[in-house]
């Protein structure tokens, strides 16, 4: 392959990837066929729609030649090794003995891994701006993940072996699994028949005491004789169902807080339909979070409360508190932010989806009315980790005929929610694209200038070290914005598993720094931090108790008129 051919090939991949995975995959295959047949690559795109202008990429001829020489050397070594001994395949996709004992299959897998490494290395060699390279890396990762021989029955030695051993029964089950997933509209990541919201998920006792077209407010029944006088309001992200904070009794964050003497309220966002297609960010702030805060104040009789926001819910909650501050209200004693971004300067891998043309397109498409489908959002997040959250289940469900294990977090992950188009378009522009939320006075929300520095509340800020949705550095960046007394905690694992980590499980660890200083960079903070075993929940609840006021007798009745038992009907609406 010449330098010009390589440049053209990767440039075309970069241009096609953002327009849709299916179209990009087909285009990439056309390019490969053209090159294999010795054709001019330009002929592979005849008749295709013109791609939008993208940053140009180039390659250093010397580095490209070195990579090609290294590839040929490794390919030769693999062939010679295959002739004399069994190949070692360390990738978990090929760990079964069915691969190792089949020389043809093991050589195919080994060559695939070599090709994958080479393609990724070639992407790294591309010279261009940072976003262009990030998009290229993402596109190549998607292609090599999809092209794995483990994803095709004709090459998957393990699936073939099982089909023979079961006399074809595994293939029949695989077809049944595929038809089931086609009907439900997404690849099954867990045995969804084992879960039901209100039956074995979100079963903490409580009642809905308020509702409007945006949310239901749940008040949980205390389990202790005394509770703290200041209630706790939990604000989950409107992009997901609330029960990530109330999964099962053993790992329910809400139940844990209740057991520590907190009087807990929680917002259950409505899964929007066409009636909310014109709902805006301001609607969710005013009619959602601000209404919930005022309702909790009235129901509990306490002007001060503690508030917690998770992910996008944290950004929405902080924005609402800034609006209230502009109105002369300071309702929060303590503000907890879990895996939340207030500074969107570094959005990690999600940055590849955001630029001015993309955001402008969304504004034209749904800025005034429309709906961002929850399944589209869920698919996007899944393809951020394609091997773990997509192809692993394609191979297991369809080629092996296996039913994935029952796992509550993955069931929640598949329980998608829509987003009103105007809300979604506003959020994209003012956070991911322009990073306006953190700039004092830049935004006007609900008629008020937003200034996050005016929030007079102590802050507990949590970030997960391996988070691919909210990079740990972006979670830490909130310490440089909020002005109250602060505490930052870094937990192990990712966006969800790091948060849902009950102390009884004795899993993972977290990092604390007790000197009360917050250097500008996360790396400096980590240098002075201490690793602590187990969950961060116990540390949080001690911090919260110090801001919860005195203990009083637990209420015997719900504070508001009971509309229906928890978890309420809003959370049960499925797409």
Protein backbone atom coordinates (compact mmCIF):
# COMPACT_ATOMS: atom_id res chain seq x y z
CA UNK A 1 0.00 0.00 0.00
CA UNK A 2 1.42 3.37 -0.98
CA UNK A 3 1.45 6.39 1.31
CA UNK A 4 -1.21 8.08 -0.83
CA UNK A 5 -3.41 5.00 -0.75
CA UNK A 6 -3.08 4.75 3.03
CA UNK A 7 -3.92 8.43 3.43
CA UNK A 8 -6.96 8.14 1.17
CA UNK A 9 -8.15 4.97 2.88
CA UNK A 10 -8.03 6.34 6.40
CA UNK A 11 -9.44 9.70 5.35
CA UNK A 12 -12.45 7.94 3.83
CA UNK A 13 -12.94 5.90 6.99
CA UNK A 14 -12.84 9.11 9.05
CA UNK A 15 -15.36 10.80 6.77
CA UNK A 16 -17.80 7.91 6.79
CA UNK A 17 -17.79 6.85 10.46
CA UNK A 18 -19.81 9.70 11.96
CA UNK A 19 -22.57 9.24 9.35
CA UNK A 20 -23.69 5.85 10.61
CA UNK A 21 -21.99 2.61 11.51
CA UNK A 22 -23.71 0.49 8.85
CA UNK A 23 -22.83 2.83 5.98
CA UNK A 24 -19.30 3.20 7.25
CA UNK A 25 -18.80 -0.57 7.55
CA UNK A 26 -20.00 -1.12 3.99
CA UNK A 27 -17.77 1.67 2.68
CA UNK A 28 -14.72 0.30 4.54
CA UNK A 29 -15.29 -3.16 3.06
CA UNK A 30 -15.51 -1.65 -0.42
CA UNK A 31 -12.16 0.06 0.13
CA UNK A 32 -10.54 -3.16 1.29
CA UNK A 33 -11.90 -5.13 -1.67
CA UNK A 34 -10.67 -2.46 -4.05
CA UNK A 35 -7.16 -2.54 -2.59
CA UNK A 36 -7.02 -6.33 -2.57
CA UNK A 37 -7.96 -6.37 -6.25
CA UNK A 38 -5.35 -3.75 -7.12
CA UNK A 39 -7.97 -1.16 -8.04
CA UNK A 40 -7.68 2.60 -7.68
CA UNK A 41 -9.28 3.27 -4.27
CA UNK A 42 -11.07 6.29 -5.68
CA UNK A 43 -13.27 3.93 -7.65
CA UNK A 44 -14.66 2.40 -4.47
CA UNK A 45 -16.68 5.52 -3.63
CA UNK A 46 -18.32 6.16 -6.99
CA UNK A 47 -22.02 6.81 -6.60
CA UNK A 48 -21.75 7.48 -2.86
CA UNK A 49 -23.13 10.65 -1.34
CA UNK A 50 -20.42 13.31 -0.95
CA UNK A 51 -18.97 13.30 2.57
CA UNK A 52 -18.79 16.52 4.56
CA UNK A 53 -15.45 18.28 4.53
CA UNK A 54 -13.27 16.86 7.30
CA UNK A 55 -9.77 17.65 8.61
CA UNK A 56 -7.17 16.12 6.31
CA UNK A 57 -4.84 13.35 7.45
CA UNK A 58 -1.36 12.50 6.24
CA UNK A 59 1.23 9.81 6.90
CA UNK A 60 4.97 9.85 7.34
CA UNK A 61 6.24 7.54 4.54
CA UNK A 62 9.14 6.26 6.62
CA UNK A 63 6.99 5.33 9.62
CA UNK A 64 4.44 3.69 7.35
CA UNK A 65 7.15 1.60 5.71
CA UNK A 66 8.49 0.56 9.12
CA UNK A 67 5.01 -0.53 10.16
CA UNK A 68 4.58 -2.58 7.00
CA UNK A 69 7.94 -4.29 7.50
CA UNK A 70 7.05 -5.09 11.11
CA UNK A 71 3.72 -6.51 10.00
CA UNK A 72 5.34 -8.82 7.45
CA UNK A 73 7.88 -9.99 10.03
CA UNK A 74 5.21 -10.83 12.60
CA UNK A 75 3.00 -12.53 10.02
CA UNK A 76 5.91 -14.73 8.93
CA UNK A 77 6.71 -15.62 12.54
CA UNK A 78 3.08 -16.58 13.15
CA UNK A 79 3.03 -18.84 10.13
CA UNK A 80 6.24 -20.58 11.13
CA UNK A 81 5.04 -20.95 14.71
CA UNK A 82 1.73 -22.39 13.54
CA UNK A 83 3.59 -25.10 11.58
CA UNK A 84 5.53 -26.30 14.62
CA UNK A 85 3.57 -25.59 17.78
CA UNK A 86 0.25 -24.49 19.24
CA UNK A 87 -0.38 -20.75 19.12
CA UNK A 88 -0.96 -18.88 22.38
CA UNK A 89 -4.11 -16.71 22.16
CA UNK A 90 -4.38 -14.40 25.15
CA UNK A 91 -7.47 -12.51 23.98
CA UNK A 92 -10.53 -13.61 25.98
CA UNK A 93 -12.59 -13.97 22.80
CA UNK A 94 -10.38 -16.94 21.84
CA UNK A 95 -9.66 -18.46 25.24
CA UNK A 96 -11.64 -21.67 24.64
CA UNK A 97 -9.73 -24.85 23.84
CA UNK A 98 -11.81 -25.08 20.67
CA UNK A 99 -9.69 -22.29 19.25
CA UNK A 100 -6.35 -23.54 20.55
CA UNK A 101 -6.80 -27.13 19.39
CA UNK A 102 -7.90 -26.13 15.89
CA UNK A 103 -4.80 -24.96 14.04
CA UNK A 104 -6.74 -23.26 11.26
CA UNK A 105 -8.98 -21.41 13.71
CA UNK A 106 -6.09 -20.40 15.97
CA UNK A 107 -4.07 -19.10 13.01
CA UNK A 108 -7.11 -17.15 11.78
CA UNK A 109 -7.57 -15.62 15.23
CA UNK A 110 -3.86 -14.84 15.58
CA UNK A 111 -3.78 -13.15 12.17
CA UNK A 112 -6.91 -11.18 13.07
CA UNK A 113 -5.22 -9.92 16.24
CA UNK A 114 -2.11 -8.97 14.28
CA UNK A 115 -4.22 -7.18 11.67
CA UNK A 116 -6.11 -5.36 14.41
CA UNK A 117 -2.92 -4.18 16.10
CA UNK A 118 -1.52 -3.03 12.78
CA UNK A 119 -4.65 -1.13 11.81
CA UNK A 120 -4.73 0.61 15.19
CA UNK A 121 -1.01 1.40 14.89
CA UNK A 122 -1.61 2.83 11.43
CA UNK A 123 -4.36 5.01 12.83
CA UNK A 124 -1.90 6.28 15.42
CA UNK A 125 0.55 7.16 12.65
CA UNK A 126 -1.96 9.47 10.99
CA UNK A 127 -0.99 13.10 11.30
CA UNK A 128 -3.83 15.58 11.83
CA UNK A 129 -5.67 17.52 14.48
CA UNK A 130 -6.53 15.82 17.77
CA UNK A 131 -10.26 15.40 17.11
CA UNK A 132 -9.63 13.93 13.67
CA UNK A 133 -7.26 11.36 15.16
CA UNK A 134 -9.71 10.52 17.93
CA UNK A 135 -12.45 9.94 15.39
CA UNK A 136 -10.15 7.79 13.32
CA UNK A 137 -9.16 5.67 16.31
CA UNK A 138 -12.81 5.19 17.23
CA UNK A 139 -13.74 4.24 13.66
CA UNK A 140 -10.92 1.72 13.41
CA UNK A 141 -11.81 0.23 16.79
CA UNK A 142 -15.40 -0.27 15.66
CA UNK A 143 -14.29 -1.93 12.44
CA UNK A 144 -11.78 -4.32 13.97
CA UNK A 145 -14.22 -5.24 16.76
CA UNK A 146 -16.95 -6.06 14.25
CA UNK A 147 -14.55 -8.02 12.02
CA UNK A 148 -13.47 -10.48 14.73
CA UNK A 149 -13.74 -14.13 13.59
CA UNK A 150 -15.55 -14.82 16.86
CA UNK A 151 -18.53 -12.88 15.45
CA UNK A 152 -19.06 -15.24 12.49
CA UNK A 153 -20.22 -18.85 12.60
CA UNK A 154 -17.99 -19.74 9.66
CA UNK A 155 -14.89 -18.83 11.70
CA UNK A 156 -15.95 -19.31 15.34
CA UNK A 157 -14.43 -22.66 16.30
CA UNK A 158 -16.10 -22.64 19.72
CA UNK A 159 -19.58 -22.12 18.23
CA UNK A 160 -18.97 -24.83 15.64
CA UNK A 161 -17.85 -27.29 18.32
CA UNK A 162 -20.93 -26.59 20.42
CA UNK A 163 -23.22 -26.97 17.41
CA UNK A 164 -21.78 -30.43 16.73
CA UNK A 165 -21.97 -31.48 20.40
CA UNK A 166 -25.60 -30.33 20.74
CA UNK A 167 -26.64 -31.70 17.32
CA UNK A 168 -27.58 -28.22 16.17
CA UNK A 169 -29.61 -27.29 19.24
CA UNK A 170 -27.30 -24.36 20.07
CA UNK A 171 -27.89 -22.92 16.59
CA UNK A 172 -31.65 -23.28 16.96
CA UNK A 173 -31.51 -21.49 20.31
CA UNK A 174 -29.31 -18.82 18.75
CA UNK A 175 -31.86 -18.14 16.03
CA UNK A 176 -34.61 -17.97 18.67
CA UNK A 177 -32.51 -15.53 20.70
CA UNK A 178 -31.92 -13.38 17.64
CA UNK A 179 -35.62 -13.26 16.75
CA UNK A 180 -36.42 -12.34 20.36
CA UNK A 181 -33.91 -9.49 20.29
CA UNK A 182 -35.25 -8.25 16.94
CA UNK A 183 -38.72 -8.07 18.47
CA UNK A 184 -37.56 -6.21 21.58
CA UNK A 185 -35.35 -3.85 19.58
CA UNK A 186 -31.97 -4.39 21.26
CA UNK A 187 -29.37 -7.06 21.94
CA UNK A 188 -30.03 -8.81 25.24
CA UNK A 189 -27.24 -8.19 27.74
CA UNK A 190 -29.00 -10.03 30.55
CA UNK A 191 -31.91 -12.39 31.07
CA UNK A 192 -34.57 -9.70 31.21
CA UNK A 193 -37.28 -12.20 32.16
CA UNK A 194 -35.73 -12.37 35.64
CA UNK A 195 -36.44 -8.73 36.51
CA UNK A 196 -39.48 -6.55 36.99
CA UNK A 197 -39.51 -3.00 38.34
CA UNK A 198 -41.58 -2.93 41.51
CA UNK A 199 -41.25 -6.68 42.02
CA UNK A 200 -37.52 -7.33 42.51
CA UNK A 201 -36.09 -3.97 41.42
CA UNK A 202 -36.93 -0.60 43.04
CA UNK A 203 -38.73 -2.24 45.92
CA UNK A 204 -37.70 0.05 48.78
CA UNK A 205 -40.90 1.00 50.61
CA UNK A 206 -42.24 4.46 49.87
CA UNK A 207 -44.98 6.44 48.19
CA UNK A 208 -45.44 8.98 45.41
CA UNK A 209 -46.53 12.20 47.10
CA UNK A 210 -46.38 14.59 44.13
CA UNK A 211 -46.43 14.39 40.34
CA UNK A 212 -46.61 16.63 37.32
CA UNK A 213 -45.97 16.00 33.63
CA UNK A 214 -42.20 15.84 34.20
CA UNK A 215 -41.64 13.73 37.32
CA UNK A 216 -43.04 11.92 40.30
CA UNK A 217 -41.64 12.63 43.76
CA UNK A 218 -41.14 9.55 45.94
CA UNK A 219 -40.90 9.80 49.72
CA UNK A 220 -39.32 6.72 51.26
CA UNK A 221 -40.54 5.32 54.55
CA UNK A 222 -37.93 5.65 57.34
CA UNK A 223 -36.63 2.43 58.87
CA UNK A 224 -35.04 4.04 61.93
CA UNK A 225 -36.73 5.48 65.03
CA UNK A 226 -35.06 8.84 64.42
CA UNK A 227 -34.15 10.69 61.24
CA UNK A 228 -32.10 13.78 60.55
CA UNK A 229 -34.17 16.94 60.39
CA UNK A 230 -32.83 17.94 56.99
CA UNK A 231 -34.17 15.65 54.24
CA UNK A 232 -32.15 14.25 51.37
CA UNK A 233 -33.35 14.71 47.77
CA UNK A 234 -31.91 12.37 45.14
CA UNK A 235 -31.85 13.64 41.54
CA UNK A 236 -31.07 10.88 39.01
CA UNK A 237 -30.28 11.66 35.36
CA UNK A 238 -33.31 12.24 33.15
CA UNK A 239 -31.50 10.21 30.51
CA UNK A 240 -32.01 7.00 32.54
CA UNK A 241 -34.46 5.41 35.00
CA UNK A 242 -34.04 6.33 38.67
CA UNK A 243 -33.74 2.78 39.98
CA UNK A 244 -30.00 2.66 39.38
CA UNK A 245 -30.10 4.20 42.88
CA UNK A 246 -32.55 1.55 44.13
CA UNK A 247 -31.75 -1.72 42.42
CA UNK A 248 -32.13 -4.61 44.89
CA UNK A 249 -31.98 -4.46 48.70
CA UNK A 250 -28.35 -5.62 48.73
CA UNK A 251 -27.11 -2.79 46.49
CA UNK A 252 -29.70 -0.02 46.85
CA UNK A 253 -28.08 3.36 47.45
CA UNK A 254 -31.42 4.84 48.52
CA UNK A 255 -32.05 2.05 51.04
CA UNK A 256 -28.55 2.46 52.46
CA UNK A 257 -29.13 6.19 53.06
CA UNK A 258 -32.48 5.43 54.71
CA UNK A 259 -30.84 2.88 57.02
CA UNK A 260 -28.37 5.58 58.13
CA UNK A 261 -31.24 7.75 59.38
CA UNK A 262 -31.75 9.94 56.32
CA UNK A 263 -35.27 11.07 55.35
CA UNK A 264 -35.01 10.34 51.64
CA UNK A 265 -36.98 11.76 48.72
CA UNK A 266 -36.28 10.86 45.10
CA UNK A 267 -37.27 12.20 41.69
CA UNK A 268 -38.63 9.69 39.18
CA UNK A 269 -38.46 11.32 35.76
CA UNK A 270 -41.23 10.60 33.30
CA UNK A 271 -40.22 8.67 30.19
CA UNK A 272 -41.30 11.37 27.72
CA UNK A 273 -43.66 10.75 24.82
CA UNK A 274 -44.92 13.01 22.04
CA UNK A 275 -46.74 15.22 24.56
CA UNK A 276 -43.33 16.43 25.81
CA UNK A 277 -41.62 16.81 22.44
CA UNK A 278 -41.32 20.59 22.97
CA UNK A 279 -39.98 20.37 26.54
CA UNK A 280 -36.83 22.41 27.14
CA UNK A 281 -33.91 22.44 29.56
CA UNK A 282 -35.64 25.30 31.38
CA UNK A 283 -38.81 23.20 31.77
CA UNK A 284 -36.82 20.41 33.41
CA UNK A 285 -35.12 22.90 35.73
CA UNK A 286 -38.20 24.91 36.73
CA UNK A 287 -40.97 22.30 36.59
CA UNK A 288 -38.65 19.48 37.57
CA UNK A 289 -35.83 20.09 40.02
CA UNK A 290 -36.88 23.44 41.47
CA UNK A 291 -40.42 22.15 41.93
CA UNK A 292 -39.06 19.05 43.66
CA UNK A 293 -36.90 21.13 46.02
CA UNK A 294 -39.82 23.33 47.01
CA UNK A 295 -42.09 20.31 47.46
CA UNK A 296 -39.57 18.60 49.76
CA UNK A 297 -39.16 21.79 51.77
CA UNK A 298 -42.91 22.06 52.24
CA UNK A 299 -43.41 18.36 52.98
CA UNK A 300 -40.59 18.13 55.53
CA UNK A 301 -41.00 21.55 57.09
CA UNK A 302 -37.26 22.17 56.68
CA UNK A 303 -35.99 25.12 54.65
CA UNK A 304 -32.60 23.45 54.35
CA UNK A 305 -32.07 20.06 52.70
CA UNK A 306 -29.27 17.98 51.27
CA UNK A 307 -29.31 17.23 47.56
CA UNK A 308 -27.58 14.64 45.39
CA UNK A 309 -27.24 14.55 41.61
CA UNK A 310 -26.02 11.63 39.53
CA UNK A 311 -24.35 12.21 36.13
CA UNK A 312 -26.50 14.58 34.01
CA UNK A 313 -28.77 14.87 37.04
CA UNK A 314 -25.86 16.52 38.85
CA UNK A 315 -25.41 19.12 36.11
CA UNK A 316 -29.15 19.82 36.09
CA UNK A 317 -29.27 20.04 39.89
CA UNK A 318 -26.32 22.44 40.06
CA UNK A 319 -27.88 24.63 37.38
CA UNK A 320 -31.17 24.69 39.36
CA UNK A 321 -29.34 25.70 42.55
CA UNK A 322 -27.66 28.55 40.66
CA UNK A 323 -31.06 29.73 39.40
CA UNK A 324 -32.40 29.65 42.96
CA UNK A 325 -29.31 31.52 44.20
CA UNK A 326 -30.05 34.28 41.69
CA UNK A 327 -33.52 34.47 43.24
CA UNK A 328 -32.10 34.79 46.72
CA UNK A 329 -32.68 31.15 47.75
CA UNK A 330 -30.00 28.87 49.17
CA UNK A 331 -31.88 25.65 49.98
CA UNK A 332 -28.94 23.21 49.97
CA UNK A 333 -26.80 22.53 53.02
CA UNK A 334 -24.84 19.80 51.24
CA UNK A 335 -24.51 19.10 47.51
CA UNK A 336 -23.35 15.65 46.39
CA UNK A 337 -22.27 15.15 42.78
CA UNK A 338 -21.74 11.61 41.51
CA UNK A 339 -19.82 11.21 38.22
CA UNK A 340 -20.91 14.68 37.13
CA UNK A 341 -19.39 17.17 34.71
CA UNK A 342 -19.73 20.91 35.27
CA UNK A 343 -16.64 21.70 33.18
CA UNK A 344 -16.98 20.04 29.75
CA UNK A 345 -13.51 20.91 28.47
CA UNK A 346 -12.60 17.21 28.43
CA UNK A 347 -15.53 14.95 27.58
CA UNK A 348 -13.41 11.93 26.74
CA UNK A 349 -14.43 9.65 23.88
CA UNK A 350 -17.81 11.39 23.55
CA UNK A 351 -16.00 14.39 22.08
CA UNK A 352 -15.77 12.61 18.72
CA UNK A 353 -19.53 13.00 18.28
CA UNK A 354 -19.58 16.74 18.96
CA UNK A 355 -18.79 19.56 16.56
CA UNK A 356 -20.60 22.60 15.21
CA UNK A 357 -22.15 20.87 12.15
CA UNK A 358 -23.41 17.94 14.25
CA UNK A 359 -24.98 20.16 16.90
CA UNK A 360 -26.47 22.47 14.27
CA UNK A 361 -28.00 19.44 12.56
CA UNK A 362 -29.61 18.32 15.82
CA UNK A 363 -30.94 21.83 16.36
CA UNK A 364 -32.48 21.84 12.90
CA UNK A 365 -33.83 18.33 13.39
CA UNK A 366 -35.33 18.65 16.87
CA UNK A 367 -34.43 22.02 18.37
CA UNK A 368 -38.07 23.17 18.40
CA UNK A 369 -39.85 19.84 18.69
CA UNK A 370 -39.06 16.16 18.42
CA UNK A 371 -37.62 13.30 20.41
CA UNK A 372 -34.19 11.78 20.85
CA UNK A 373 -34.93 8.07 21.00
CA UNK A 374 -33.62 6.33 24.05
CA UNK A 375 -32.51 3.30 22.06
CA UNK A 376 -30.29 5.49 19.87
CA UNK A 377 -28.60 6.91 22.95
CA UNK A 378 -28.21 3.45 24.49
CA UNK A 379 -26.63 2.10 21.29
CA UNK A 380 -24.17 4.98 21.20
CA UNK A 381 -23.04 4.32 24.77
CA UNK A 382 -22.75 0.58 24.09
CA UNK A 383 -20.49 1.12 21.09
CA UNK A 384 -18.11 3.08 23.29
CA UNK A 385 -17.10 -0.40 24.51
CA UNK A 386 -17.99 -2.56 21.51
CA UNK A 387 -16.39 -5.85 22.50
CA UNK A 388 -17.80 -5.87 26.04
CA UNK A 389 -21.26 -4.40 25.39
CA UNK A 390 -22.09 -5.47 21.82
CA UNK A 391 -20.15 -8.26 20.12
CA UNK A 392 -19.70 -10.31 23.27
CA UNK A 393 -23.48 -10.74 23.37
CA UNK A 394 -23.85 -11.22 19.62
CA UNK A 395 -21.46 -14.17 19.76
CA UNK A 396 -22.87 -15.62 22.97
CA UNK A 397 -26.58 -15.11 22.27
CA UNK A 398 -26.72 -16.01 18.57
CA UNK A 399 -23.73 -18.21 17.70
CA UNK A 400 -23.51 -20.12 20.98
CA UNK A 401 -27.24 -20.10 21.71
CA UNK A 402 -26.65 -18.99 25.29
CA UNK A 403 -28.85 -16.82 27.45
CA UNK A 404 -26.84 -14.15 29.27
CA UNK A 405 -26.83 -14.30 33.06
CA UNK A 406 -29.29 -12.25 35.11
CA UNK A 407 -27.61 -8.97 36.09
CA UNK A 408 -29.61 -6.07 37.51
CA UNK A 409 -27.32 -3.27 36.30
CA UNK A 410 -27.42 -4.53 32.71
CA UNK A 411 -31.21 -4.82 32.88
CA UNK A 412 -31.33 -1.18 33.96
CA UNK A 413 -28.90 -0.31 31.17
CA UNK A 414 -31.34 -1.76 28.62
CA UNK A 415 -34.36 0.07 30.07
CA UNK A 416 -33.98 3.12 27.85
CA UNK A 417 -35.62 6.53 28.12
CA UNK A 418 -36.32 9.19 25.51
CA UNK A 419 -35.22 12.81 25.70
CA UNK A 420 -37.22 15.78 24.37
CA UNK A 421 -35.46 17.22 21.32
CA UNK A 422 -35.25 20.84 22.53
CA UNK A 423 -33.75 19.70 25.86
CA UNK A 424 -31.22 17.50 24.06
CA UNK A 425 -30.19 20.16 21.51
CA UNK A 426 -29.75 22.82 24.23
CA UNK A 427 -27.68 20.46 26.33
CA UNK A 428 -25.39 19.52 23.44
CA UNK A 429 -24.61 23.11 22.51
CA UNK A 430 -24.28 24.67 25.95
CA UNK A 431 -22.28 21.92 27.61
CA UNK A 432 -20.45 19.54 25.26
CA UNK A 433 -19.86 22.03 22.45
CA UNK A 434 -19.48 25.47 24.05
CA UNK A 435 -18.91 24.61 27.74
CA UNK A 436 -21.12 27.51 28.85
CA UNK A 437 -22.48 26.10 32.10
CA UNK A 438 -19.29 26.78 34.06
CA UNK A 439 -18.88 30.37 32.80
CA UNK A 440 -20.44 32.83 35.32
CA UNK A 441 -23.29 34.78 33.72
CA UNK A 442 -22.93 33.19 30.26
CA UNK A 443 -26.28 31.38 30.36
CA UNK A 444 -29.74 32.64 31.19
CA UNK A 445 -31.97 29.86 32.51
CA UNK A 446 -35.51 30.39 33.78
CA UNK A 447 -34.97 34.13 33.47
CA UNK A 448 -31.85 34.15 35.67
CA UNK A 449 -28.15 34.48 34.94
CA UNK A 450 -26.44 31.23 35.91
CA UNK A 451 -23.35 31.49 38.12
CA UNK A 452 -22.32 28.25 39.81
CA UNK A 453 -19.97 30.11 42.15
CA UNK A 454 -22.97 31.69 43.92
CA UNK A 455 -24.13 28.33 45.33
CA UNK A 456 -23.53 28.40 49.08
CA UNK A 457 -23.43 24.70 49.84
CA UNK A 458 -20.73 22.28 50.91
CA UNK A 459 -19.94 19.82 48.14
CA UNK A 460 -19.08 16.11 48.10
CA UNK A 461 -17.71 15.29 44.65
CA UNK A 462 -17.24 11.71 43.52
CA UNK A 463 -15.55 10.46 40.32
CA UNK A 464 -14.79 6.95 39.06
CA UNK A 465 -11.21 6.28 37.97
CA UNK A 466 -12.10 4.21 34.87
CA UNK A 467 -15.19 6.17 33.86
CA UNK A 468 -15.56 6.40 30.06
CA UNK A 469 -18.65 8.66 30.23
CA UNK A 470 -17.41 11.27 32.72
CA UNK A 471 -13.59 11.20 32.70
CA UNK A 472 -12.18 11.28 36.20
CA UNK A 473 -10.36 14.54 35.46
CA UNK A 474 -13.64 16.18 34.44
CA UNK A 475 -15.33 15.03 37.63
CA UNK A 476 -12.42 16.47 39.63
CA UNK A 477 -12.65 19.77 37.72
CA UNK A 478 -15.81 20.64 39.70
CA UNK A 479 -13.54 21.28 42.69
CA UNK A 480 -12.19 24.30 40.80
CA UNK A 481 -15.70 25.74 40.23
CA UNK A 482 -17.75 25.27 43.40
CA UNK A 483 -16.82 27.64 46.22
CA UNK A 484 -18.16 25.96 49.37
CA UNK A 485 -16.31 23.54 51.63
CA UNK A 486 -15.43 20.58 49.39
CA UNK A 487 -14.48 16.92 49.61
CA UNK A 488 -13.38 14.90 46.59
CA UNK A 489 -13.34 11.11 46.43
CA UNK A 490 -12.04 8.94 43.61
CA UNK A 491 -13.47 5.45 43.37
CA UNK A 492 -12.25 2.42 41.46
CA UNK A 493 -14.07 0.99 38.42
CA UNK A 494 -16.36 2.77 35.96
CA UNK A 495 -19.36 5.04 35.58
CA UNK A 496 -21.93 2.72 37.18
CA UNK A 497 -20.01 -0.01 39.02
CA UNK A 498 -17.94 2.60 40.84
CA UNK A 499 -21.08 4.29 42.17
CA UNK A 500 -23.14 1.18 42.93
CA UNK A 501 -20.65 -0.28 45.39
CA UNK A 502 -22.30 -1.14 48.73
CA UNK A 503 -19.99 -1.50 51.75
CA UNK A 504 -21.19 -5.02 52.51
CA UNK A 505 -19.76 -6.25 49.21
CA UNK A 506 -16.24 -5.26 50.35
CA UNK A 507 -15.22 -4.64 46.75
CA UNK A 508 -13.00 -2.13 45.01
CA UNK A 509 -11.40 0.80 46.79
CA UNK A 510 -11.42 4.59 46.92
CA UNK A 511 -8.93 7.43 47.38
CA UNK A 512 -9.15 10.31 49.87
CA UNK A 513 -7.01 13.32 50.64
CA UNK A 514 -7.46 14.77 54.10
CA UNK A 515 -5.45 18.00 53.86
CA UNK A 516 -8.37 19.88 52.29
CA UNK A 517 -6.36 21.13 49.32
CA UNK A 518 -7.45 20.90 45.70
CA UNK A 519 -4.57 21.43 43.25
CA UNK A 520 -5.50 22.41 39.74
CA UNK A 521 -4.70 18.99 38.26
CA UNK A 522 -6.07 15.62 39.27
CA UNK A 523 -2.58 14.12 39.10
CA UNK A 524 -1.37 16.48 41.83
CA UNK A 525 -4.39 15.60 43.99
CA UNK A 526 -3.77 11.85 43.53
CA UNK A 527 -0.12 12.29 44.51
CA UNK A 528 -1.26 13.34 47.97
CA UNK A 529 -4.18 10.93 48.30
CA UNK A 530 -4.43 7.67 50.24
CA UNK A 531 -6.04 4.51 48.91
CA UNK A 532 -8.74 3.11 51.19
CA UNK A 533 -10.19 -0.40 50.87
CA UNK A 534 -13.85 -0.93 50.06
CA UNK A 535 -16.73 1.38 49.29
CA UNK A 536 -16.82 5.16 49.56
CA UNK A 537 -20.45 5.05 50.82
CA UNK A 538 -19.46 5.01 54.51
CA UNK A 539 -17.28 8.09 54.06
CA UNK A 540 -20.10 9.90 52.26
CA UNK A 541 -22.73 9.15 54.88
CA UNK A 542 -20.49 10.53 57.65
CA UNK A 543 -19.95 13.69 55.62
CA UNK A 544 -23.68 13.95 55.00
CA UNK A 545 -24.63 13.44 58.66
CA UNK A 546 -22.54 16.47 59.64
CA UNK A 547 -24.73 18.59 57.36
CA UNK A 548 -28.10 17.04 58.20
CA UNK A 549 -28.97 18.87 61.44
CA UNK A 550 -30.18 17.24 64.61
CA UNK A 551 -32.03 13.95 64.82
CA UNK A 552 -35.79 13.99 65.35
CA UNK A 553 -38.48 11.35 65.68
CA UNK A 554 -39.12 9.64 62.37
CA UNK A 555 -42.48 10.60 60.82
CA UNK A 556 -45.11 7.88 61.14
CA UNK A 557 -46.99 8.97 58.04
CA UNK A 558 -45.96 10.27 54.64
CA UNK A 559 -45.56 14.02 54.51
CA UNK A 560 -47.76 14.49 51.47
CA UNK A 561 -50.92 12.99 50.06
CA UNK A 562 -50.18 9.49 48.78
CA UNK A 563 -50.86 9.20 45.07
CA UNK A 564 -49.64 5.62 44.69
CA UNK A 565 -47.04 3.30 46.24
CA UNK A 566 -43.41 3.51 45.16
CA UNK A 567 -41.87 3.04 42.67
CA UNK A 568 -44.79 4.70 40.89
CA UNK A 569 -46.02 4.25 37.35
CA UNK A 570 -43.65 6.67 35.57
CA UNK A 571 -40.63 4.40 35.99
CA UNK A 572 -42.52 1.40 34.63
CA UNK A 573 -43.09 2.93 31.19
CA UNK A 574 -40.84 1.09 28.73
CA UNK A 575 -40.00 2.09 25.19
